[in-house]
PDB file of N, CA and C in Angstrom:
ATOM      1  N   MET A   1       0.819  -1.200   0.155  1.00  0.00           N
ATOM      2  CA  MET A   1      -0.013  -0.044  -0.081  1.00  0.00           C
ATOM      3  C   MET A   1       0.888   1.252   0.007  1.00  0.00           C
ATOM      4  N   MET A   2       0.727   2.123  -0.963  1.00  0.00           N
ATOM      5  CA  MET A   2       1.431   3.387  -1.056  1.00  0.00           C
ATOM      6  C   MET A   2       0.859   4.403  -0.184  1.00  0.00           C
ATOM      7  N   GLN A   3       1.596   5.239   0.378  1.00  0.00           N
ATOM      8  CA  GLN A   3       1.073   6.359   1.175  1.00  0.00           C
ATOM      9  C   GLN A   3       1.795   7.602   0.926  1.00  0.00           C
ATOM     10  N   SER A   4       1.222   8.699   1.024  1.00  0.00           N
ATOM     11  CA  SER A   4       1.896   9.965   1.013  1.00  0.00           C
ATOM     12  C   SER A   4       1.768  10.591   2.376  1.00  0.00           C
ATOM     13  N   GLU A   5       2.851  11.211   2.841  1.00  0.00           N
ATOM     14  CA  GLU A   5       2.780  11.674   4.204  1.00  0.00           C
ATOM     15  C   GLU A   5       3.100  13.193   4.073  1.00  0.00           C
ATOM     16  N   LYS A   6       2.313  13.932   4.966  1.00  0.00           N
ATOM     17  CA  LYS A   6       2.547  15.401   5.008  1.00  0.00           C
ATOM     18  C   LYS A   6       2.719  15.813   6.471  1.00  0.00           C
ATOM     19  N   MET A   7       3.468  16.909   6.609  1.00  0.00           N
ATOM     20  CA  MET A   7       3.689  17.471   8.047  1.00  0.00           C
ATOM     21  C   MET A   7       2.899  18.760   8.194  1.00  0.00           C
ATOM     22  N   ILE A   8       1.882  18.907   9.079  1.00  0.00           N
ATOM     23  CA  ILE A   8       1.356  20.209   9.288  1.00  0.00           C
ATOM     24  C   ILE A   8       1.543  20.578  10.800  1.00  0.00           C
ATOM     25  N   PHE A   9       1.270  22.000  10.979  1.00  0.00           N
ATOM     26  CA  PHE A   9       1.449  22.420  12.346  1.00  0.00           C
ATOM     27  C   PHE A   9      -0.087  22.913  12.847  1.00  0.00           C
ATOM     28  N   VAL A  10      -0.337  22.467  13.950  1.00  0.00           N
ATOM     29  CA  VAL A  10      -1.629  22.723  14.621  1.00  0.00           C
ATOM     30  C   VAL A  10      -1.276  23.347  16.054  1.00  0.00           C
ATOM     31  N   ASP A  11      -1.683  24.490  16.248  1.00  0.00           N
ATOM     32  CA  ASP A  11      -1.442  25.224  17.607  1.00  0.00           C
ATOM     33  C   ASP A  11       0.002  25.097  17.920  1.00  0.00           C
ATOM     34  N   GLY A  12       0.855  25.249  16.940  1.00  0.00           N
ATOM     35  CA  GLY A  12       2.344  25.217  17.184  1.00  0.00           C
ATOM     36  C   GLY A  12       2.861  23.851  17.348  1.00  0.00           C
ATOM     37  N   ARG A  13       2.157  22.860  17.208  1.00  0.00           N
ATOM     38  CA  ARG A  13       2.598  21.420  17.200  1.00  0.00           C
ATOM     39  C   ARG A  13       2.705  20.839  15.901  1.00  0.00           C
ATOM     40  N   GLU A  14       3.802  19.969  15.687  1.00  0.00           N
ATOM     41  CA  GLU A  14       3.886  19.323  14.397  1.00  0.00           C
ATOM     42  C   GLU A  14       3.075  18.135  14.439  1.00  0.00           C
ATOM     43  N   VAL A  15       2.290  17.913  13.378  1.00  0.00           N
ATOM     44  CA  VAL A  15       1.414  16.676  13.226  1.00  0.00           C
ATOM     45  C   VAL A  15       1.809  16.065  11.943  1.00  0.00           C
ATOM     46  N   SER A  16       2.004  14.700  11.969  1.00  0.00           N
ATOM     47  CA  SER A  16       2.239  14.016  10.779  1.00  0.00           C
ATOM     48  C   SER A  16       0.972  13.304  10.382  1.00  0.00           C
ATOM     49  N   VAL A  17       0.690  13.597   8.954  1.00  0.00           N
ATOM     50  CA  VAL A  17      -0.651  12.911   8.447  1.00  0.00           C
ATOM     51  C   VAL A  17      -0.133  12.141   7.217  1.00  0.00           C
ATOM     52  N   SER A  18      -0.622  10.888   7.285  1.00  0.00           N
ATOM     53  CA  SER A  18      -0.474   9.935   6.195  1.00  0.00           C
ATOM     54  C   SER A  18      -1.705   9.570   5.473  1.00  0.00           C
ATOM     55  N   PHE A  19      -1.582   9.649   4.175  1.00  0.00           N
ATOM     56  CA  PHE A  19      -2.786   9.306   3.318  1.00  0.00           C
ATOM     57  C   PHE A  19      -2.594   8.149   2.448  1.00  0.00           C
ATOM     58  N   ALA A  20      -3.362   6.979   2.710  1.00  0.00           N
ATOM     59  CA  ALA A  20      -3.279   5.791   2.044  1.00  0.00           C
ATOM     60  C   ALA A  20      -4.030   5.878   0.698  1.00  0.00           C
ATOM     61  N   THR A  21      -3.590   5.054  -0.241  1.00  0.00           N
ATOM     62  CA  THR A  21      -4.166   4.981  -1.550  1.00  0.00           C
ATOM     63  C   THR A  21      -5.555   4.209  -1.504  1.00  0.00           C
ATOM     64  N   ASP A  22      -5.602   3.214  -0.603  1.00  0.00           N
ATOM     65  CA  ASP A  22      -6.803   2.505  -0.379  1.00  0.00           C
ATOM     66  C   ASP A  22      -7.708   3.104   0.558  1.00  0.00           C
ATOM     67  N   LYS A  23      -9.029   3.027   0.219  1.00  0.00           N
ATOM     68  CA  LYS A  23     -10.100   3.594   1.043  1.00  0.00           C
ATOM     69  C   LYS A  23     -10.421   2.691   2.248  1.00  0.00           C
ATOM     70  N   ASN A  24     -10.432   3.251   3.524  1.00  0.00           N
ATOM     71  CA  ASN A  24     -10.738   2.544   4.623  1.00  0.00           C
ATOM     72  C   ASN A  24     -11.987   3.132   5.307  1.00  0.00           C
ATOM     73  N   THR A  25     -13.161   2.577   4.981  1.00  0.00           N
ATOM     74  CA  THR A  25     -14.308   3.071   5.514  1.00  0.00           C
ATOM     75  C   THR A  25     -14.574   3.174   6.920  1.00  0.00           C
ATOM     76  N   ALA A  26     -14.104   2.172   7.641  1.00  0.00           N
ATOM     77  CA  ALA A  26     -14.099   2.259   9.171  1.00  0.00           C
ATOM     78  C   ALA A  26     -13.361   3.414   9.611  1.00  0.00           C
ATOM     79  N   ILE A  27     -12.211   3.809   9.193  1.00  0.00           N
ATOM     80  CA  ILE A  27     -11.396   4.899   9.686  1.00  0.00           C
ATOM     81  C   ILE A  27     -12.110   6.203   9.273  1.00  0.00           C
ATOM     82  N   ILE A  28     -12.624   6.296   8.120  1.00  0.00           N
ATOM     83  CA  ILE A  28     -13.406   7.446   7.579  1.00  0.00           C
ATOM     84  C   ILE A  28     -14.499   7.868   8.437  1.00  0.00           C
ATOM     85  N   ASN A  29     -15.416   6.755   8.876  1.00  0.00           N
ATOM     86  CA  ASN A  29     -16.456   6.920   9.801  1.00  0.00           C
ATOM     87  C   ASN A  29     -15.990   7.444  11.169  1.00  0.00           C
ATOM     88  N   GLN A  30     -14.890   6.893  11.692  1.00  0.00           N
ATOM     89  CA  GLN A  30     -14.441   7.359  12.983  1.00  0.00           C
ATOM     90  C   GLN A  30     -13.987   8.757  12.920  1.00  0.00           C
ATOM     91  N   ILE A  31     -13.250   9.169  11.843  1.00  0.00           N
ATOM     92  CA  ILE A  31     -12.832  10.583  11.677  1.00  0.00           C
ATOM     93  C   ILE A  31     -14.059  11.443  11.606  1.00  0.00           C
ATOM     94  N   LYS A  32     -15.208  11.070  10.909  1.00  0.00           N
ATOM     95  CA  LYS A  32     -16.291  11.871  10.839  1.00  0.00           C
ATOM     96  C   LYS A  32     -16.914  12.052  12.180  1.00  0.00           C
ATOM     97  N   GLN A  33     -17.034  10.985  12.972  1.00  0.00           N
ATOM     98  CA  GLN A  33     -17.494  11.172  14.369  1.00  0.00           C
ATOM     99  C   GLN A  33     -16.619  12.092  15.181  1.00  0.00           C
ATOM    100  N   ILE A  34     -15.351  11.973  15.134  1.00  0.00           N
ATOM    101  CA  ILE A  34     -14.477  12.808  15.806  1.00  0.00           C
ATOM    102  C   ILE A  34     -14.619  14.270  15.446  1.00  0.00           C
ATOM    103  N   LEU A  35     -14.746  14.615  14.218  1.00  0.00           N
ATOM    104  CA  LEU A  35     -14.976  15.979  13.770  1.00  0.00           C
ATOM    105  C   LEU A  35     -16.355  16.530  14.236  1.00  0.00           C
ATOM    106  N   LEU A  36     -17.447  15.692  14.109  1.00  0.00           N
ATOM    107  CA  LEU A  36     -18.612  16.123  14.544  1.00  0.00           C
ATOM    108  C   LEU A  36     -18.664  16.402  16.075  1.00  0.00           C
ATOM    109  N   SER A  37     -18.059  15.488  16.786  1.00  0.00           N
ATOM    110  CA  SER A  37     -18.126  15.656  18.235  1.00  0.00           C
ATOM    111  C   SER A  37     -17.362  16.884  18.693  1.00  0.00           C
ATOM    112  N   SER A  38     -16.212  17.117  17.982  1.00  0.00           N
ATOM    113  CA  SER A  38     -15.363  18.410  18.264  1.00  0.00           C
ATOM    114  C   SER A  38     -16.135  19.686  17.842  1.00  0.00           C
ATOM    115  N   TYR A  39     -16.915  19.657  16.728  1.00  0.00           N
ATOM    116  CA  TYR A  39     -17.667  20.764  16.251  1.00  0.00           C
ATOM    117  C   TYR A  39     -18.741  21.042  17.342  1.00  0.00           C
ATOM    118  N   ILE A  40     -19.515  19.995  17.713  1.00  0.00           N
ATOM    119  CA  ILE A  40     -20.579  20.177  18.612  1.00  0.00           C
ATOM    120  C   ILE A  40     -20.127  20.692  19.926  1.00  0.00           C
ATOM    121  N   ALA A  41     -18.983  20.185  20.503  1.00  0.00           N
ATOM    122  CA  ALA A  41     -18.464  20.621  21.756  1.00  0.00           C
ATOM    123  C   ALA A  41     -17.916  22.025  21.679  1.00  0.00           C
ATOM    124  N   ASN A  42     -17.564  22.559  20.578  1.00  0.00           N
ATOM    125  CA  ASN A  42     -17.157  23.945  20.656  1.00  0.00           C
ATOM    126  C   ASN A  42     -18.124  24.916  19.951  1.00  0.00           C
ATOM    127  N   THR A  43     -19.469  24.533  19.785  1.00  0.00           N
ATOM    128  CA  THR A  43     -20.534  25.487  19.469  1.00  0.00           C
ATOM    129  C   THR A  43     -20.995  26.278  20.735  1.00  0.00           C
ATOM    130  N   VAL A  44     -21.420  27.402  20.559  1.00  0.00           N
ATOM    131  CA  VAL A  44     -21.887  28.127  21.635  1.00  0.00           C
ATOM    132  C   VAL A  44     -23.172  27.529  22.140  1.00  0.00           C
ATOM    133  N   LYS A  45     -23.253  27.273  23.439  1.00  0.00           N
ATOM    134  CA  LYS A  45     -24.453  26.823  24.152  1.00  0.00           C
ATOM    135  C   LYS A  45     -25.410  27.904  24.451  1.00  0.00           C
ATOM    136  N   PRO A  46     -26.683  27.599  24.154  1.00  0.00           N
ATOM    137  CA  PRO A  46     -27.711  28.741  24.688  1.00  0.00           C
ATOM    138  C   PRO A  46     -27.688  28.726  26.146  1.00  0.00           C
ATOM    139  N   GLN A  47     -27.989  29.952  26.550  1.00  0.00           N
ATOM    140  CA  GLN A  47     -28.133  30.285  28.006  1.00  0.00           C
ATOM    141  C   GLN A  47     -29.249  29.495  28.632  1.00  0.00           C
ATOM    142  N   THR A  48     -29.137  29.132  29.821  1.00  0.00           N
ATOM    143  CA  THR A  48     -30.225  28.277  30.545  1.00  0.00           C
ATOM    144  C   THR A  48     -31.383  29.294  30.779  1.00  0.00           C
ATOM    145  N   GLY A  49     -32.513  28.808  30.911  1.00  0.00           N
ATOM    146  CA  GLY A  49     -33.614  29.548  31.252  1.00  0.00           C
ATOM    147  C   GLY A  49     -34.744  29.497  30.184  1.00  0.00           C
ATOM    148  N   ASP A  50     -35.764  30.326  30.322  1.00  0.00           N
ATOM    149  CA  ASP A  50     -36.806  30.265  29.367  1.00  0.00           C
ATOM    150  C   ASP A  50     -36.400  30.739  27.971  1.00  0.00           C
ATOM    151  N   ILE A  51     -37.094  30.164  26.946  1.00  0.00           N
ATOM    152  CA  ILE A  51     -36.801  30.397  25.546  1.00  0.00           C
ATOM    153  C   ILE A  51     -37.748  31.663  25.057  1.00  0.00           C
ATOM    154  N   LEU A  52     -38.837  31.909  25.839  1.00  0.00           N
ATOM    155  CA  LEU A  52     -39.779  32.806  25.471  1.00  0.00           C
ATOM    156  C   LEU A  52     -39.572  34.062  26.319  1.00  0.00           C
ATOM    157  N   ALA A  53     -39.738  35.235  25.678  1.00  0.00           N
ATOM    158  CA  ALA A  53     -39.611  36.565  26.371  1.00  0.00           C
ATOM    159  C   ALA A  53     -40.971  36.977  26.779  1.00  0.00           C
ATOM    160  N   ILE A  54     -41.077  37.656  27.794  1.00  0.00           N
ATOM    161  CA  ILE A  54     -42.348  38.202  28.354  1.00  0.00           C
ATOM    162  C   ILE A  54     -42.266  39.671  27.943  1.00  0.00           C
ATOM    163  N   CYS A  55     -43.057  40.074  27.040  1.00  0.00           N
ATOM    164  CA  CYS A  55     -43.178  41.462  26.693  1.00  0.00           C
ATOM    165  C   CYS A  55     -44.036  42.344  27.512  1.00  0.00           C
ATOM    166  N   SER A  56     -43.714  43.574  27.695  1.00  0.00           N
ATOM    167  CA  SER A  56     -44.675  44.378  28.505  1.00  0.00           C
ATOM    168  C   SER A  56     -45.868  44.590  27.772  1.00  0.00           C
ATOM    169  N   LYS A  57     -46.957  44.815  28.667  1.00  0.00           N
ATOM    170  CA  LYS A  57     -48.347  44.937  28.131  1.00  0.00           C
ATOM    171  C   LYS A  57     -48.455  46.231  27.237  1.00  0.00           C
ATOM    172  N   GLN A  58     -48.995  45.976  26.096  1.00  0.00           N
ATOM    173  CA  GLN A  58     -49.076  47.187  25.211  1.00  0.00           C
ATOM    174  C   GLN A  58     -50.651  47.509  25.052  1.00  0.00           C
ATOM    175  N   GLY A  59     -50.974  48.703  24.897  1.00  0.00           N
ATOM    176  CA  GLY A  59     -52.368  49.123  24.601  1.00  0.00           C
ATOM    177  C   GLY A  59     -52.623  50.646  25.192  1.00  0.00           C
ATOM    178  N   ASP A  60     -53.785  50.887  25.119  1.00  0.00           N
ATOM    179  CA  ASP A  60     -54.161  52.309  25.653  1.00  0.00           C
ATOM    180  C   ASP A  60     -54.040  52.326  27.135  1.00  0.00           C
ATOM    181  N   ASN A  61     -53.361  53.350  27.657  1.00  0.00           N
ATOM    182  CA  ASN A  61     -53.203  53.536  29.024  1.00  0.00           C
ATOM    183  C   ASN A  61     -54.231  54.618  29.624  1.00  0.00           C
TER     184      ASN A  61
END
């Protein structure tokens, strides 16, 4: 199996990435899950509390 290898830097750290010529579906699915989990963990969480706002009463005074 032939591979190409690349070196990248992430947050100042050197990371080695190897790309195989053969497709590995199990690894692809694991990487997708890791990326989705990372994305969800880093999204802004809504503030706790009610989702509806109470507006002041409008009308003739």
